[in-house]
PDB file of N, CA and C in Angstrom:
ATOM      1  N   MET A   1       6.582   4.232 -23.900  1.00  0.00           N
ATOM      2  CA  MET A   1       6.311   4.298 -22.815  1.00  0.00           C
ATOM      3  C   MET A   1       4.651   5.200 -21.849  1.00  0.00           C
ATOM      4  N   SER A   2       4.133   4.292 -21.681  1.00  0.00           N
ATOM      5  CA  SER A   2       2.904   4.944 -21.479  1.00  0.00           C
ATOM      6  C   SER A   2       2.615   6.033 -20.285  1.00  0.00           C
ATOM      7  N   SER A   3       2.286   7.477 -20.180  1.00  0.00           N
ATOM      8  CA  SER A   3       2.263   8.133 -19.262  1.00  0.00           C
ATOM      9  C   SER A   3       0.874   7.998 -18.196  1.00  0.00           C
ATOM     10  N   THR A   4       0.202   7.222 -18.491  1.00  0.00           N
ATOM     11  CA  THR A   4      -0.720   7.210 -18.330  1.00  0.00           C
ATOM     12  C   THR A   4      -0.817   6.143 -16.626  1.00  0.00           C
ATOM     13  N   LYS A   5      -1.410   6.844 -15.570  1.00  0.00           N
ATOM     14  CA  LYS A   5      -1.840   6.252 -14.157  1.00  0.00           C
ATOM     15  C   LYS A   5      -1.953   5.024 -14.052  1.00  0.00           C
ATOM     16  N   ALA A   6      -1.487   4.010 -13.184  1.00  0.00           N
ATOM     17  CA  ALA A   6      -1.563   2.782 -12.718  1.00  0.00           C
ATOM     18  C   ALA A   6      -3.037   3.035 -12.170  1.00  0.00           C
ATOM     19  N   THR A   7      -3.813   1.598 -12.788  1.00  0.00           N
ATOM     20  CA  THR A   7      -4.949   1.397 -12.261  1.00  0.00           C
ATOM     21  C   THR A   7      -5.221   0.143 -10.505  1.00  0.00           C
ATOM     22  N   VAL A   8      -5.373   0.756  -9.541  1.00  0.00           N
ATOM     23  CA  VAL A   8      -4.979   0.259  -8.520  1.00  0.00           C
ATOM     24  C   VAL A   8      -6.679  -0.461  -8.120  1.00  0.00           C
ATOM     25  N   ARG A   9      -6.428  -2.020  -7.762  1.00  0.00           N
ATOM     26  CA  ARG A   9      -7.295  -2.521  -7.703  1.00  0.00           C
ATOM     27  C   ARG A   9      -6.957  -3.843  -6.554  1.00  0.00           C
ATOM     28  N   ASP A  10      -8.121  -3.790  -5.680  1.00  0.00           N
ATOM     29  CA  ASP A  10      -8.354  -4.884  -4.218  1.00  0.00           C
ATOM     30  C   ASP A  10      -8.495  -6.218  -5.422  1.00  0.00           C
ATOM     31  N   ASN A  11      -7.679  -6.708  -4.522  1.00  0.00           N
ATOM     32  CA  ASN A  11      -7.240  -8.558  -5.046  1.00  0.00           C
ATOM     33  C   ASN A  11      -7.826  -9.565  -3.771  1.00  0.00           C
ATOM     34  N   THR A  12      -9.142  -8.945  -3.255  1.00  0.00           N
ATOM     35  CA  THR A  12      -9.490  -9.412  -1.616  1.00  0.00           C
ATOM     36  C   THR A  12      -9.136 -11.410  -1.850  1.00  0.00           C
ATOM     37  N   ASP A  13      -9.164 -12.038  -3.058  1.00  0.00           N
ATOM     38  CA  ASP A  13      -8.878 -13.450  -2.732  1.00  0.00           C
ATOM     39  C   ASP A  13      -7.419 -13.850  -2.696  1.00  0.00           C
ATOM     40  N   ALA A  14      -6.581 -12.665  -2.819  1.00  0.00           N
ATOM     41  CA  ALA A  14      -5.304 -12.674  -3.341  1.00  0.00           C
ATOM     42  C   ALA A  14      -4.443 -12.089  -1.933  1.00  0.00           C
ATOM     43  N   SER A  15      -5.566 -11.178  -1.292  1.00  0.00           N
ATOM     44  CA  SER A  15      -4.902 -10.317  -0.080  1.00  0.00           C
ATOM     45  C   SER A  15      -4.155  -9.538  -0.785  1.00  0.00           C
ATOM     46  N   ARG A  16      -4.399  -8.675  -1.213  1.00  0.00           N
ATOM     47  CA  ARG A  16      -3.099  -7.654  -2.316  1.00  0.00           C
ATOM     48  C   ARG A  16      -4.079  -7.077  -3.320  1.00  0.00           C
ATOM     49  N   PHE A  17      -3.206  -5.454  -3.174  1.00  0.00           N
ATOM     50  CA  PHE A  17      -3.682  -3.911  -4.092  1.00  0.00           C
ATOM     51  C   PHE A  17      -3.101  -4.232  -4.870  1.00  0.00           C
ATOM     52  N   GLU A  18      -3.267  -4.416  -6.232  1.00  0.00           N
ATOM     53  CA  GLU A  18      -2.594  -4.663  -7.907  1.00  0.00           C
ATOM     54  C   GLU A  18      -3.075  -3.571  -8.594  1.00  0.00           C
ATOM     55  N   ALA A  19      -1.435  -3.311  -9.035  1.00  0.00           N
ATOM     56  CA  ALA A  19      -2.111  -2.280 -10.085  1.00  0.00           C
ATOM     57  C   ALA A  19      -1.877  -2.841 -11.478  1.00  0.00           C
ATOM     58  N   TRP A  20      -2.604  -1.921 -12.236  1.00  0.00           N
ATOM     59  CA  TRP A  20      -2.568  -2.388 -13.952  1.00  0.00           C
ATOM     60  C   TRP A  20      -2.194  -0.905 -14.558  1.00  0.00           C
ATOM     61  N   LEU A  21      -1.129  -1.503 -15.261  1.00  0.00           N
ATOM     62  CA  LEU A  21      -0.706  -0.276 -16.420  1.00  0.00           C
ATOM     63  C   LEU A  21      -0.873  -0.797 -17.587  1.00  0.00           C
ATOM     64  N   ASP A  22      -1.185  -0.307 -18.928  1.00  0.00           N
ATOM     65  CA  ASP A  22      -1.321  -0.910 -20.258  1.00  0.00           C
ATOM     66  C   ASP A  22      -1.573  -2.096 -20.404  1.00  0.00           C
ATOM     67  N   GLY A  23      -2.572  -2.217 -19.538  1.00  0.00           N
ATOM     68  CA  GLY A  23      -3.207  -3.846 -19.659  1.00  0.00           C
ATOM     69  C   GLY A  23      -2.561  -4.925 -19.250  1.00  0.00           C
ATOM     70  N   GLU A  24      -1.380  -4.623 -18.531  1.00  0.00           N
ATOM     71  CA  GLU A  24      -0.939  -5.621 -17.416  1.00  0.00           C
ATOM     72  C   GLU A  24      -0.763  -4.902 -16.387  1.00  0.00           C
ATOM     73  N   ARG A  25      -0.882  -6.520 -15.587  1.00  0.00           N
ATOM     74  CA  ARG A  25      -0.259  -5.921 -14.112  1.00  0.00           C
ATOM     75  C   ARG A  25       1.185  -5.349 -14.270  1.00  0.00           C
ATOM     76  N   ALA A  26       1.124  -4.465 -13.533  1.00  0.00           N
ATOM     77  CA  ALA A  26       2.505  -3.354 -13.106  1.00  0.00           C
ATOM     78  C   ALA A  26       2.881  -3.616 -11.806  1.00  0.00           C
ATOM     79  N   GLY A  27       2.105  -4.463 -10.524  1.00  0.00           N
ATOM     80  CA  GLY A  27       2.878  -4.562  -9.101  1.00  0.00           C
ATOM     81  C   GLY A  27       1.890  -4.969  -8.605  1.00  0.00           C
ATOM     82  N   PHE A  28       2.194  -5.179  -7.157  1.00  0.00           N
ATOM     83  CA  PHE A  28       1.326  -5.226  -6.020  1.00  0.00           C
ATOM     84  C   PHE A  28       1.794  -5.328  -4.725  1.00  0.00           C
ATOM     85  N   ALA A  29       0.765  -4.961  -3.944  1.00  0.00           N
ATOM     86  CA  ALA A  29       1.195  -4.885  -2.400  1.00  0.00           C
ATOM     87  C   ALA A  29       0.372  -5.825  -1.585  1.00  0.00           C
ATOM     88  N   ASP A  30       1.087  -6.234  -1.114  1.00  0.00           N
ATOM     89  CA  ASP A  30       0.377  -8.245  -0.211  1.00  0.00           C
ATOM     90  C   ASP A  30      -0.177  -7.162   0.998  1.00  0.00           C
ATOM     91  N   TYR A  31      -1.156  -7.712   1.566  1.00  0.00           N
ATOM     92  CA  TYR A  31      -1.580  -7.369   3.371  1.00  0.00           C
ATOM     93  C   TYR A  31      -2.126  -8.443   3.808  1.00  0.00           C
ATOM     94  N   LEU A  32      -2.258  -8.171   4.769  1.00  0.00           N
ATOM     95  CA  LEU A  32      -2.705  -9.062   6.370  1.00  0.00           C
ATOM     96  C   LEU A  32      -4.019  -7.911   6.824  1.00  0.00           C
ATOM     97  N   ARG A  33      -4.636  -8.249   6.803  1.00  0.00           N
ATOM     98  CA  ARG A  33      -6.197  -7.079   8.063  1.00  0.00           C
ATOM     99  C   ARG A  33      -6.455  -8.306   9.017  1.00  0.00           C
ATOM    100  N   THR A  34      -6.837  -7.227  10.216  1.00  0.00           N
ATOM    101  CA  THR A  34      -7.284  -7.941  11.345  1.00  0.00           C
ATOM    102  C   THR A  34      -8.513  -6.364  11.554  1.00  0.00           C
ATOM    103  N   GLY A  35      -9.154  -6.939  12.499  1.00  0.00           N
ATOM    104  CA  GLY A  35     -10.080  -6.188  13.069  1.00  0.00           C
ATOM    105  C   GLY A  35      -9.579  -4.388  13.332  1.00  0.00           C
ATOM    106  N   ASP A  36      -8.501  -4.121  13.459  1.00  0.00           N
ATOM    107  CA  ASP A  36      -7.603  -3.097  14.118  1.00  0.00           C
ATOM    108  C   ASP A  36      -6.341  -2.571  13.456  1.00  0.00           C
ATOM    109  N   LEU A  37      -5.716  -3.665  12.020  1.00  0.00           N
ATOM    110  CA  LEU A  37      -4.470  -3.437  12.044  1.00  0.00           C
ATOM    111  C   LEU A  37      -4.620  -3.810  10.753  1.00  0.00           C
ATOM    112  N   ALA A  38      -3.564  -2.731   9.912  1.00  0.00           N
ATOM    113  CA  ALA A  38      -3.684  -3.655   8.048  1.00  0.00           C
ATOM    114  C   ALA A  38      -1.420  -3.410   8.413  1.00  0.00           C
ATOM    115  N   VAL A  39      -1.550  -4.890   7.870  1.00  0.00           N
ATOM    116  CA  VAL A  39      -0.053  -5.053   8.026  1.00  0.00           C
ATOM    117  C   VAL A  39       0.431  -5.118   6.387  1.00  0.00           C
ATOM    118  N   TYR A  40       1.225  -4.322   5.661  1.00  0.00           N
ATOM    119  CA  TYR A  40       2.142  -4.283   4.431  1.00  0.00           C
ATOM    120  C   TYR A  40       2.956  -4.869   4.363  1.00  0.00           C
ATOM    121  N   PRO A  41       3.559  -6.534   4.432  1.00  0.00           N
ATOM    122  CA  PRO A  41       5.009  -7.376   4.591  1.00  0.00           C
ATOM    123  C   PRO A  41       5.303  -6.851   2.998  1.00  0.00           C
ATOM    124  N   HIS A  42       4.936  -7.131   1.980  1.00  0.00           N
ATOM    125  CA  HIS A  42       5.683  -6.951   0.261  1.00  0.00           C
ATOM    126  C   HIS A  42       4.870  -6.045  -0.544  1.00  0.00           C
ATOM    127  N   THR A  43       6.025  -5.278  -1.393  1.00  0.00           N
ATOM    128  CA  THR A  43       5.277  -4.812  -2.268  1.00  0.00           C
ATOM    129  C   THR A  43       6.384  -5.033  -3.151  1.00  0.00           C
ATOM    130  N   GLU A  44       5.869  -5.381  -4.867  1.00  0.00           N
ATOM    131  CA  GLU A  44       6.856  -5.498  -5.737  1.00  0.00           C
ATOM    132  C   GLU A  44       6.105  -4.575  -7.566  1.00  0.00           C
ATOM    133  N   VAL A  45       7.030  -4.033  -7.578  1.00  0.00           N
ATOM    134  CA  VAL A  45       7.071  -3.599  -9.323  1.00  0.00           C
ATOM    135  C   VAL A  45       7.603  -4.233 -10.196  1.00  0.00           C
ATOM    136  N   ALA A  46       6.925  -4.511 -11.345  1.00  0.00           N
ATOM    137  CA  ALA A  46       7.366  -5.199 -12.473  1.00  0.00           C
ATOM    138  C   ALA A  46       8.010  -4.778 -13.134  1.00  0.00           C
ATOM    139  N   GLU A  47       9.172  -5.402 -13.310  1.00  0.00           N
ATOM    140  CA  GLU A  47      10.574  -5.140 -13.704  1.00  0.00           C
ATOM    141  C   GLU A  47       9.831  -4.143 -15.581  1.00  0.00           C
ATOM    142  N   GLY A  48      10.045  -3.133 -15.581  1.00  0.00           N
ATOM    143  CA  GLY A  48      10.142  -2.329 -17.398  1.00  0.00           C
ATOM    144  C   GLY A  48       9.098  -0.946 -16.328  1.00  0.00           C
ATOM    145  N   TYR A  49       8.268  -1.253 -14.995  1.00  0.00           N
ATOM    146  CA  TYR A  49       7.477  -0.777 -14.924  1.00  0.00           C
ATOM    147  C   TYR A  49       7.994   0.429 -13.791  1.00  0.00           C
ATOM    148  N   GLU A  50       9.495   0.066 -13.220  1.00  0.00           N
ATOM    149  CA  GLU A  50       9.964   1.016 -12.507  1.00  0.00           C
ATOM    150  C   GLU A  50       9.971   2.434 -12.228  1.00  0.00           C
ATOM    151  N   GLY A  51       9.750   3.666 -11.484  1.00  0.00           N
ATOM    152  CA  GLY A  51       9.615   4.362 -11.996  1.00  0.00           C
ATOM    153  C   GLY A  51       8.853   5.499 -12.860  1.00  0.00           C
ATOM    154  N   ARG A  52       7.497   4.231 -13.095  1.00  0.00           N
ATOM    155  CA  ARG A  52       6.752   4.761 -13.126  1.00  0.00           C
ATOM    156  C   ARG A  52       5.542   5.320 -12.342  1.00  0.00           C
ATOM    157  N   GLY A  53       5.785   5.371 -11.026  1.00  0.00           N
ATOM    158  CA  GLY A  53       4.672   6.037 -10.006  1.00  0.00           C
ATOM    159  C   GLY A  53       3.983   4.594  -9.827  1.00  0.00           C
ATOM    160  N   VAL A  54       4.121   3.763  -9.973  1.00  0.00           N
ATOM    161  CA  VAL A  54       3.143   2.414  -9.842  1.00  0.00           C
ATOM    162  C   VAL A  54       3.382   2.080  -8.477  1.00  0.00           C
ATOM    163  N   GLY A  55       4.673   2.131  -7.881  1.00  0.00           N
ATOM    164  CA  GLY A  55       4.565   2.174  -6.241  1.00  0.00           C
ATOM    165  C   GLY A  55       3.620   2.719  -5.268  1.00  0.00           C
ATOM    166  N   SER A  56       4.353   4.275  -5.797  1.00  0.00           N
ATOM    167  CA  SER A  56       3.339   5.521  -5.338  1.00  0.00           C
ATOM    168  C   SER A  56       1.774   5.243  -5.211  1.00  0.00           C
ATOM    169  N   SER A  57       1.437   4.569  -6.562  1.00  0.00           N
ATOM    170  CA  SER A  57      -0.239   4.280  -6.856  1.00  0.00           C
ATOM    171  C   SER A  57      -0.326   3.834  -5.482  1.00  0.00           C
ATOM    172  N   LEU A  58      -0.039   2.397  -5.764  1.00  0.00           N
ATOM    173  CA  LEU A  58      -0.018   1.139  -4.511  1.00  0.00           C
ATOM    174  C   LEU A  58       0.103   1.525  -2.833  1.00  0.00           C
ATOM    175  N   ALA A  59       1.069   2.352  -2.814  1.00  0.00           N
ATOM    176  CA  ALA A  59       0.688   2.718  -1.352  1.00  0.00           C
ATOM    177  C   ALA A  59      -0.156   3.719  -0.822  1.00  0.00           C
ATOM    178  N   ARG A  60      -0.324   4.847  -1.562  1.00  0.00           N
ATOM    179  CA  ARG A  60      -1.615   5.432  -1.201  1.00  0.00           C
ATOM    180  C   ARG A  60      -2.678   5.032  -1.603  1.00  0.00           C
ATOM    181  N   THR A  61      -3.052   3.804  -2.007  1.00  0.00           N
ATOM    182  CA  THR A  61      -4.726   3.636  -2.150  1.00  0.00           C
ATOM    183  C   THR A  61      -4.508   2.352  -0.996  1.00  0.00           C
ATOM    184  N   ALA A  62      -3.262   1.430  -0.442  1.00  0.00           N
ATOM    185  CA  ALA A  62      -3.144   0.609   0.297  1.00  0.00           C
ATOM    186  C   ALA A  62      -3.613   1.917   2.052  1.00  0.00           C
ATOM    187  N   LEU A  63      -2.784   2.922   1.905  1.00  0.00           N
ATOM    188  CA  LEU A  63      -2.727   3.795   2.861  1.00  0.00           C
ATOM    189  C   LEU A  63      -4.254   4.197   2.922  1.00  0.00           C
ATOM    190  N   ASP A  64      -4.830   4.948   1.967  1.00  0.00           N
ATOM    191  CA  ASP A  64      -6.516   5.306   1.855  1.00  0.00           C
ATOM    192  C   ASP A  64      -7.414   4.250   2.536  1.00  0.00           C
ATOM    193  N   ASP A  65      -7.096   2.779   1.952  1.00  0.00           N
ATOM    194  CA  ASP A  65      -8.094   1.902   2.358  1.00  0.00           C
ATOM    195  C   ASP A  65      -7.641   2.056   3.526  1.00  0.00           C
ATOM    196  N   ALA A  66      -6.606   1.912   4.092  1.00  0.00           N
ATOM    197  CA  ALA A  66      -6.472   1.348   6.064  1.00  0.00           C
ATOM    198  C   ALA A  66      -7.494   2.512   6.657  1.00  0.00           C
ATOM    199  N   ARG A  67      -7.320   3.787   6.094  1.00  0.00           N
ATOM    200  CA  ARG A  67      -8.157   4.906   6.560  1.00  0.00           C
ATOM    201  C   ARG A  67      -9.391   4.604   6.523  1.00  0.00           C
ATOM    202  N   SER A  68      -9.927   4.472   5.426  1.00  0.00           N
ATOM    203  CA  SER A  68     -11.236   4.040   5.792  1.00  0.00           C
ATOM    204  C   SER A  68     -11.678   2.848   6.464  1.00  0.00           C
ATOM    205  N   ARG A  69     -10.713   2.241   6.945  1.00  0.00           N
ATOM    206  CA  ARG A  69     -11.450   1.039   7.261  1.00  0.00           C
ATOM    207  C   ARG A  69     -11.122   1.533   8.793  1.00  0.00           C
ATOM    208  N   GLY A  70     -10.862   2.662   9.337  1.00  0.00           N
ATOM    209  CA  GLY A  70      -9.817   2.686  11.311  1.00  0.00           C
ATOM    210  C   GLY A  70      -9.440   1.769  11.058  1.00  0.00           C
ATOM    211  N   LEU A  71      -7.945   1.710  10.737  1.00  0.00           N
ATOM    212  CA  LEU A  71      -6.957   0.746  10.663  1.00  0.00           C
ATOM    213  C   LEU A  71      -6.418   1.173  10.961  1.00  0.00           C
ATOM    214  N   ARG A  72      -5.037   0.797  11.814  1.00  0.00           N
ATOM    215  CA  ARG A  72      -3.813   1.299  11.968  1.00  0.00           C
ATOM    216  C   ARG A  72      -2.567   0.621  11.097  1.00  0.00           C
ATOM    217  N   VAL A  73      -2.089   1.708  10.503  1.00  0.00           N
ATOM    218  CA  VAL A  73      -0.785   0.441   9.539  1.00  0.00           C
ATOM    219  C   VAL A  73       0.599  -0.054  10.357  1.00  0.00           C
ATOM    220  N   LEU A  74       0.788  -1.043   9.754  1.00  0.00           N
ATOM    221  CA  LEU A  74       2.294  -1.670  10.213  1.00  0.00           C
ATOM    222  C   LEU A  74       2.686  -1.827   8.630  1.00  0.00           C
ATOM    223  N   ALA A  75       3.861  -1.641   8.734  1.00  0.00           N
ATOM    224  CA  ALA A  75       4.736  -1.994   7.336  1.00  0.00           C
ATOM    225  C   ALA A  75       5.497  -2.128   7.309  1.00  0.00           C
ATOM    226  N   PRO A  76       5.918  -3.533   7.303  1.00  0.00           N
ATOM    227  CA  PRO A  76       7.600  -4.251   7.731  1.00  0.00           C
ATOM    228  C   PRO A  76       8.037  -4.286   5.613  1.00  0.00           C
ATOM    229  N   CYS A  77       7.311  -3.954   5.092  1.00  0.00           N
ATOM    230  CA  CYS A  77       7.630  -3.423   3.472  1.00  0.00           C
ATOM    231  C   CYS A  77       8.422  -2.166   3.943  1.00  0.00           C
ATOM    232  N   PRO A  78      10.072  -2.161   3.200  1.00  0.00           N
ATOM    233  CA  PRO A  78      10.755  -0.778   3.168  1.00  0.00           C
ATOM    234  C   PRO A  78       9.718  -0.034   2.164  1.00  0.00           C
ATOM    235  N   PHE A  79       9.292  -0.703   1.102  1.00  0.00           N
ATOM    236  CA  PHE A  79       8.364   0.384   0.456  1.00  0.00           C
ATOM    237  C   PHE A  79       7.779   1.153   1.085  1.00  0.00           C
ATOM    238  N   ILE A  80       6.539   0.659   1.587  1.00  0.00           N
ATOM    239  CA  ILE A  80       5.653   0.909   2.081  1.00  0.00           C
ATOM    240  C   ILE A  80       5.906   1.943   3.344  1.00  0.00           C
ATOM    241  N   SER A  81       6.575   1.423   4.311  1.00  0.00           N
ATOM    242  CA  SER A  81       7.938   1.903   5.298  1.00  0.00           C
ATOM    243  C   SER A  81       8.176   3.045   5.603  1.00  0.00           C
ATOM    244  N   GLY A  82       8.692   3.271   4.219  1.00  0.00           N
ATOM    245  CA  GLY A  82       9.413   4.804   3.661  1.00  0.00           C
ATOM    246  C   GLY A  82       8.242   5.290   3.102  1.00  0.00           C
ATOM    247  N   TRP A  83       7.609   5.245   2.042  1.00  0.00           N
ATOM    248  CA  TRP A  83       6.385   5.894   1.461  1.00  0.00           C
ATOM    249  C   TRP A  83       5.821   6.708   2.592  1.00  0.00           C
ATOM    250  N   LEU A  84       5.491   5.913   3.358  1.00  0.00           N
ATOM    251  CA  LEU A  84       4.703   6.477   4.838  1.00  0.00           C
ATOM    252  C   LEU A  84       5.580   7.407   5.437  1.00  0.00           C
ATOM    253  N   GLU A  85       6.651   7.418   5.906  1.00  0.00           N
ATOM    254  CA  GLU A  85       7.614   8.375   6.528  1.00  0.00           C
ATOM    255  C   GLU A  85       7.893   9.658   5.650  1.00  0.00           C
ATOM    256  N   ARG A  86       7.476   9.710   3.979  1.00  0.00           N
ATOM    257  CA  ARG A  86       7.927  10.606   3.612  1.00  0.00           C
ATOM    258  C   ARG A  86       6.525  11.335   3.523  1.00  0.00           C
ATOM    259  N   HIS A  87       5.445  10.897   3.658  1.00  0.00           N
ATOM    260  CA  HIS A  87       4.151  11.669   2.921  1.00  0.00           C
ATOM    261  C   HIS A  87       3.865  12.194   4.410  1.00  0.00           C
ATOM    262  N   PRO A  88       3.499  13.132   5.093  1.00  0.00           N
ATOM    263  CA  PRO A  88       3.300  13.671   6.688  1.00  0.00           C
ATOM    264  C   PRO A  88       1.514  13.010   6.743  1.00  0.00           C
ATOM    265  N   GLU A  89       0.911  13.679   6.059  1.00  0.00           N
ATOM    266  CA  GLU A  89      -0.195  13.192   5.670  1.00  0.00           C
ATOM    267  C   GLU A  89      -1.361  11.824   6.198  1.00  0.00           C
ATOM    268  N   TYR A  90      -0.061  11.174   6.154  1.00  0.00           N
ATOM    269  CA  TYR A  90       0.156  10.045   6.441  1.00  0.00           C
ATOM    270  C   TYR A  90      -0.017   8.963   8.106  1.00  0.00           C
ATOM    271  N   HIS A  91       1.073   9.945   8.178  1.00  0.00           N
ATOM    272  CA  HIS A  91       1.636   9.500   9.448  1.00  0.00           C
ATOM    273  C   HIS A  91       0.677   8.745  10.942  1.00  0.00           C
ATOM    274  N   ASP A  92      -0.383   9.805  10.607  1.00  0.00           N
ATOM    275  CA  ASP A  92      -1.985   9.313  11.825  1.00  0.00           C
ATOM    276  C   ASP A  92      -1.956   7.807  11.639  1.00  0.00           C
ATOM    277  N   LEU A  93      -1.453   6.978  10.804  1.00  0.00           N
ATOM    278  CA  LEU A  93      -1.894   5.650  10.532  1.00  0.00           C
ATOM    279  C   LEU A  93      -1.274   4.916  10.698  1.00  0.00           C
ATOM    280  N   ALA A  94       0.199   5.261  11.355  1.00  0.00           N
ATOM    281  CA  ALA A  94       1.469   4.421  12.087  1.00  0.00           C
ATOM    282  C   ALA A  94       1.253   3.994  13.057  1.00  0.00           C
ATOM    283  N   TYR A  95       1.421   2.569  13.455  1.00  0.00           N
ATOM    284  CA  TYR A  95       0.939   1.978  14.158  1.00  0.00           C
ATOM    285  C   TYR A  95       2.562   2.173  15.219  1.00  0.00           C
ATOM    286  N   ARG A  96       2.521   2.597  15.930  1.00  0.00           N
ATOM    287  CA  ARG A  96       3.486   2.312  16.992  1.00  0.00           C
ATOM    288  C   ARG A  96       3.554   1.604  18.123  1.00  0.00           C
ATOM    289  N   SER A  97       5.001   1.235  17.928  1.00  0.00           N
ATOM    290  CA  SER A  97       5.305  -0.055  19.725  1.00  0.00           C
ATOM    291  C   SER A  97       4.874   0.583  20.902  1.00  0.00           C
ATOM    292  N   GLY A  98       3.682  -0.003  21.458  1.00  0.00           N
ATOM    293  CA  GLY A  98       3.312   0.586  23.038  1.00  0.00           C
ATOM    294  C   GLY A  98       1.942   1.489  22.899  1.00  0.00           C
ATOM    295  N   SER A  99       1.541   1.697  21.728  1.00  0.00           N
ATOM    296  CA  SER A  99       0.439   2.257  21.590  1.00  0.00           C
ATOM    297  C   SER A  99      -0.916   1.391  21.422  1.00  0.00           C
ATOM    298  N   ARG A 100      -2.075   1.840  21.933  1.00  0.00           N
ATOM    299  CA  ARG A 100      -3.383   1.318  21.660  1.00  0.00           C
ATOM    300  C   ARG A 100      -3.149   1.468  20.172  1.00  0.00           C
ATOM    301  N   VAL A 101      -3.947  -0.050  19.688  1.00  0.00           N
ATOM    302  CA  VAL A 101      -4.571   0.310  18.471  1.00  0.00           C
ATOM    303  C   VAL A 101      -6.188   0.525  18.729  1.00  0.00           C
ATOM    304  N   THR A 102      -6.579  -0.453  19.567  1.00  0.00           N
ATOM    305  CA  THR A 102      -8.036   0.492  19.652  1.00  0.00           C
ATOM    306  C   THR A 102      -8.425   1.627  20.154  1.00  0.00           C
ATOM    307  N   ASP A 103      -9.473   2.603  20.194  1.00  0.00           N
ATOM    308  CA  ASP A 103      -9.815   3.625  21.265  1.00  0.00           C
ATOM    309  C   ASP A 103     -10.526   2.929  22.401  1.00  0.00           C
TER     310      ASP A 103
END
């Protein structure tokens, strides 16, 4: 088992972030983007890569990307939503019902 950190790439053609480890796609996080919002509906880590930080690498990359684009985040995906809740440094990105998306 490799201890190397996953490399995450934005596959814009497929609208998802892909994590690569050991030369194989280890997981992905789907997204939808509007002018104001990034939505993360589904994240999946391939069998054999669970527990190796792949999901966390995907979540961190996706949220950093949303921040760099000035987007709020809506995460119906339970993994991304839970990760966001556990990392207070990203709480400011969370879209809240009733809040304004644009300034």
